[in-house]
Amino acid sequence: FADLFPGGFLGFTLLFAATGFAATRSIERELGRTGGFSYASFLAQRALRLLPAALVLIAVTALGTALLAPGLMPAVQADALPDALFLGNWLDALDPAGTGGLPSPLAHLWCLGVIMQFYVAWPPILLAIARGIRRREHALGLVGALALASSLAMALLYGTGNGALRAFLG
């Protein structure tokens, strides 16, 4: 049924939703168990889980590209550092044509950038909500309002230039 879901965006949306749920649940459990939360430990755990595999993938892809498709090496070289820093999604969103319009063998790593940026941004937001709002219903309402505001911002961005790509990748 690939024609029903072109581009695979539903799969990424589900991945992001599951990742967000798991991260939120992890933070909630730690707050409930210890009364505190170690942001540095949270980020270190996620980076140590994602970074080694990403670096191996980048290295193997660079080697394979050099051997099998050397014409794509400029794209790999342009993407390697941003992808290793989990910023490849912004490179792709701001420069969708990439290096000379060549497809990058590393293009799929944009999703790790989105996930890692969520890990960086969400805990402080969630902690501020948890500290500032005691009633769970009010906190859930605020989170819902933030999700709605994000969706509205994406919808507004969607109609501009490369807006659809920027909204999704950013």
Protein backbone atom coordinates (compact mmCIF):
# COMPACT_ATOMS: atom_id res chain seq x y z
CA PHE A 1 0.00 0.00 0.00
CA ALA A 2 2.91 2.36 -0.64
CA ASP A 3 0.72 4.56 -2.85
CA LEU A 4 -1.51 5.28 0.17
CA PHE A 5 1.41 6.64 2.20
CA PRO A 6 3.81 8.40 -0.18
CA GLY A 7 7.14 9.52 1.25
CA GLY A 8 6.97 7.47 4.42
CA PHE A 9 5.96 10.48 6.50
CA LEU A 10 3.39 8.51 8.50
CA GLY A 11 6.13 6.14 9.67
CA PHE A 12 8.29 9.03 10.82
CA THR A 13 5.35 10.67 12.55
CA LEU A 14 4.67 7.45 14.45
CA LEU A 15 8.37 7.10 15.31
CA PHE A 16 8.44 10.65 16.66
CA ALA A 17 5.26 10.14 18.66
CA ALA A 18 6.58 6.92 20.21
CA THR A 19 9.94 8.56 20.98
CA GLY A 20 8.24 11.55 22.58
CA PHE A 21 5.98 9.33 24.66
CA ALA A 22 8.89 7.16 25.85
CA ALA A 23 11.06 10.17 26.73
CA THR A 24 8.22 11.91 28.57
CA ARG A 25 7.39 8.73 30.46
CA SER A 26 11.05 8.27 31.43
CA ILE A 27 11.24 11.82 32.78
CA GLU A 28 7.92 11.44 34.62
CA ARG A 29 9.08 8.19 36.24
CA GLU A 30 12.36 9.70 37.39
CA LEU A 31 10.56 12.72 38.84
CA GLY A 32 8.10 10.44 40.62
CA ARG A 33 10.78 8.08 41.90
CA THR A 34 13.45 10.54 43.00
CA GLY A 35 11.69 13.92 43.03
CA GLY A 36 14.39 15.22 40.69
CA PHE A 37 15.73 14.86 37.20
CA SER A 38 19.26 14.83 35.82
CA TYR A 39 19.12 16.59 32.48
CA ALA A 40 22.83 15.93 31.81
CA SER A 41 22.41 12.22 32.51
CA PHE A 42 19.30 12.08 30.32
CA LEU A 43 21.14 13.68 27.38
CA ALA A 44 24.28 11.60 27.90
CA GLN A 45 22.29 8.35 27.88
CA ARG A 46 20.57 9.27 24.63
CA ALA A 47 23.75 10.50 22.96
CA LEU A 48 25.65 7.37 24.00
CA ARG A 49 22.88 5.26 22.54
CA LEU A 50 22.61 7.13 19.22
CA LEU A 51 26.07 8.56 18.49
CA PRO A 52 28.17 5.37 18.15
CA ALA A 53 25.78 3.82 15.65
CA ALA A 54 25.48 7.10 13.73
CA LEU A 55 29.27 7.49 13.52
CA VAL A 56 29.71 3.90 12.31
CA LEU A 57 26.98 4.42 9.74
CA ILE A 58 28.57 7.66 8.52
CA ALA A 59 32.02 6.02 8.26
CA VAL A 60 30.73 2.92 6.44
CA THR A 61 28.63 5.06 4.11
CA ALA A 62 31.62 7.30 3.33
CA LEU A 63 33.78 4.27 2.58
CA GLY A 64 31.09 2.62 0.47
CA THR A 65 30.43 5.84 -1.40
CA ALA A 66 34.14 6.37 -2.09
CA LEU A 67 34.39 2.84 -3.51
CA LEU A 68 31.06 2.48 -5.31
CA ALA A 69 29.77 5.98 -6.13
CA PRO A 70 32.60 8.52 -5.87
CA GLY A 71 30.44 11.15 -7.57
CA LEU A 72 28.33 11.27 -4.40
CA MET A 73 31.30 11.98 -2.11
CA PRO A 74 30.72 15.77 -2.08
CA ALA A 75 27.23 15.12 -0.70
CA VAL A 76 28.58 12.71 1.95
CA GLN A 77 31.33 15.16 2.90
CA ALA A 78 28.81 18.00 3.21
CA ASP A 79 26.43 15.92 5.35
CA ALA A 80 28.83 13.96 7.57
CA LEU A 81 29.58 16.60 10.23
CA PRO A 82 26.04 18.02 10.51
CA ASP A 83 24.67 14.48 10.77
CA ALA A 84 27.26 13.53 13.41
CA LEU A 85 26.17 16.61 15.38
CA PHE A 86 22.48 15.69 14.89
CA LEU A 87 21.89 18.83 12.82
CA GLY A 88 21.44 17.25 9.39
CA ASN A 89 17.71 17.98 9.38
CA TRP A 90 18.39 21.73 9.47
CA LEU A 91 20.96 21.45 6.68
CA ASP A 92 18.37 19.61 4.58
CA ALA A 93 15.56 22.01 5.52
CA LEU A 94 17.57 25.13 4.70
CA ASP A 95 19.29 23.73 1.59
CA PRO A 96 16.99 21.07 0.10
CA ALA A 97 19.00 20.81 -3.14
CA GLY A 98 22.11 19.84 -1.17
CA THR A 99 25.54 19.77 -2.75
CA GLY A 100 24.98 20.51 -6.41
CA GLY A 101 21.61 18.79 -6.30
CA LEU A 102 23.22 15.39 -5.68
CA PRO A 103 21.29 12.99 -3.47
CA SER A 104 23.08 12.25 -0.24
CA PRO A 105 23.52 8.68 0.93
CA LEU A 106 23.20 10.13 4.45
CA ALA A 107 19.90 11.93 3.81
CA HIS A 108 17.94 9.58 6.07
CA LEU A 109 19.87 10.71 9.16
CA TRP A 110 17.70 13.83 9.33
CA CYS A 111 15.34 11.91 11.61
CA LEU A 112 18.07 11.41 14.24
CA GLY A 113 18.55 15.17 14.27
CA VAL A 114 14.86 15.72 14.99
CA ILE A 115 14.90 13.10 17.75
CA MET A 116 18.05 14.42 19.43
CA GLN A 117 16.82 18.01 19.25
CA PHE A 118 13.62 16.86 20.93
CA TYR A 119 15.74 15.28 23.68
CA VAL A 120 17.51 18.62 24.14
CA ALA A 121 14.43 20.86 24.07
CA TRP A 122 11.63 18.85 25.69
CA PRO A 123 12.98 18.10 29.21
CA PRO A 124 13.41 21.77 30.23
CA ILE A 125 9.92 22.54 28.89
CA LEU A 126 8.42 19.56 30.68
CA LEU A 127 10.25 20.38 33.93
CA ALA A 128 9.08 24.00 33.79
CA ILE A 129 5.50 22.80 33.33
CA ALA A 130 5.85 20.25 36.15
CA ARG A 131 7.27 22.86 38.53
CA GLY A 132 4.91 25.65 37.54
CA ILE A 133 1.63 23.77 37.29
CA ARG A 134 0.64 21.34 40.03
CA ARG A 135 -2.67 20.10 38.63
CA ARG A 136 -2.16 17.41 36.02
CA GLU A 137 -5.20 18.51 34.00
CA HIS A 138 -3.80 22.02 33.65
CA ALA A 139 -0.37 20.69 32.70
CA LEU A 140 -1.92 18.44 30.05
CA GLY A 141 -3.91 21.41 28.75
CA LEU A 142 -0.74 23.47 28.42
CA VAL A 143 1.07 20.64 26.63
CA GLY A 144 -1.92 20.34 24.29
CA ALA A 145 -1.81 24.09 23.65
CA LEU A 146 1.92 23.87 22.87
CA ALA A 147 1.27 21.01 20.43
CA LEU A 148 -1.49 23.03 18.80
CA ALA A 149 0.79 26.09 18.52
CA SER A 150 3.50 23.94 16.95
CA SER A 151 1.00 22.50 14.47
CA LEU A 152 -0.22 25.99 13.60
CA ALA A 153 3.36 27.21 13.08
CA MET A 154 4.01 24.24 10.78
CA ALA A 155 0.81 24.95 8.84
CA LEU A 156 1.78 28.61 8.36
CA LEU A 157 5.31 27.65 7.29
CA TYR A 158 3.95 25.00 4.92
CA GLY A 159 2.71 27.56 2.42
CA THR A 160 6.03 29.40 2.01
CA GLY A 161 8.70 28.48 -0.59
CA ASN A 162 10.15 25.17 0.53
CA GLY A 163 7.84 25.39 3.53
CA ALA A 164 6.55 21.81 3.45
CA LEU A 165 10.08 20.42 3.61
CA ARG A 166 11.21 23.00 6.18
CA ALA A 167 8.17 22.37 8.38
CA PHE A 168 8.68 18.64 8.36
CA LEU A 169 12.47 18.50 8.68
CA GLY A 170 12.72 21.39 11.12
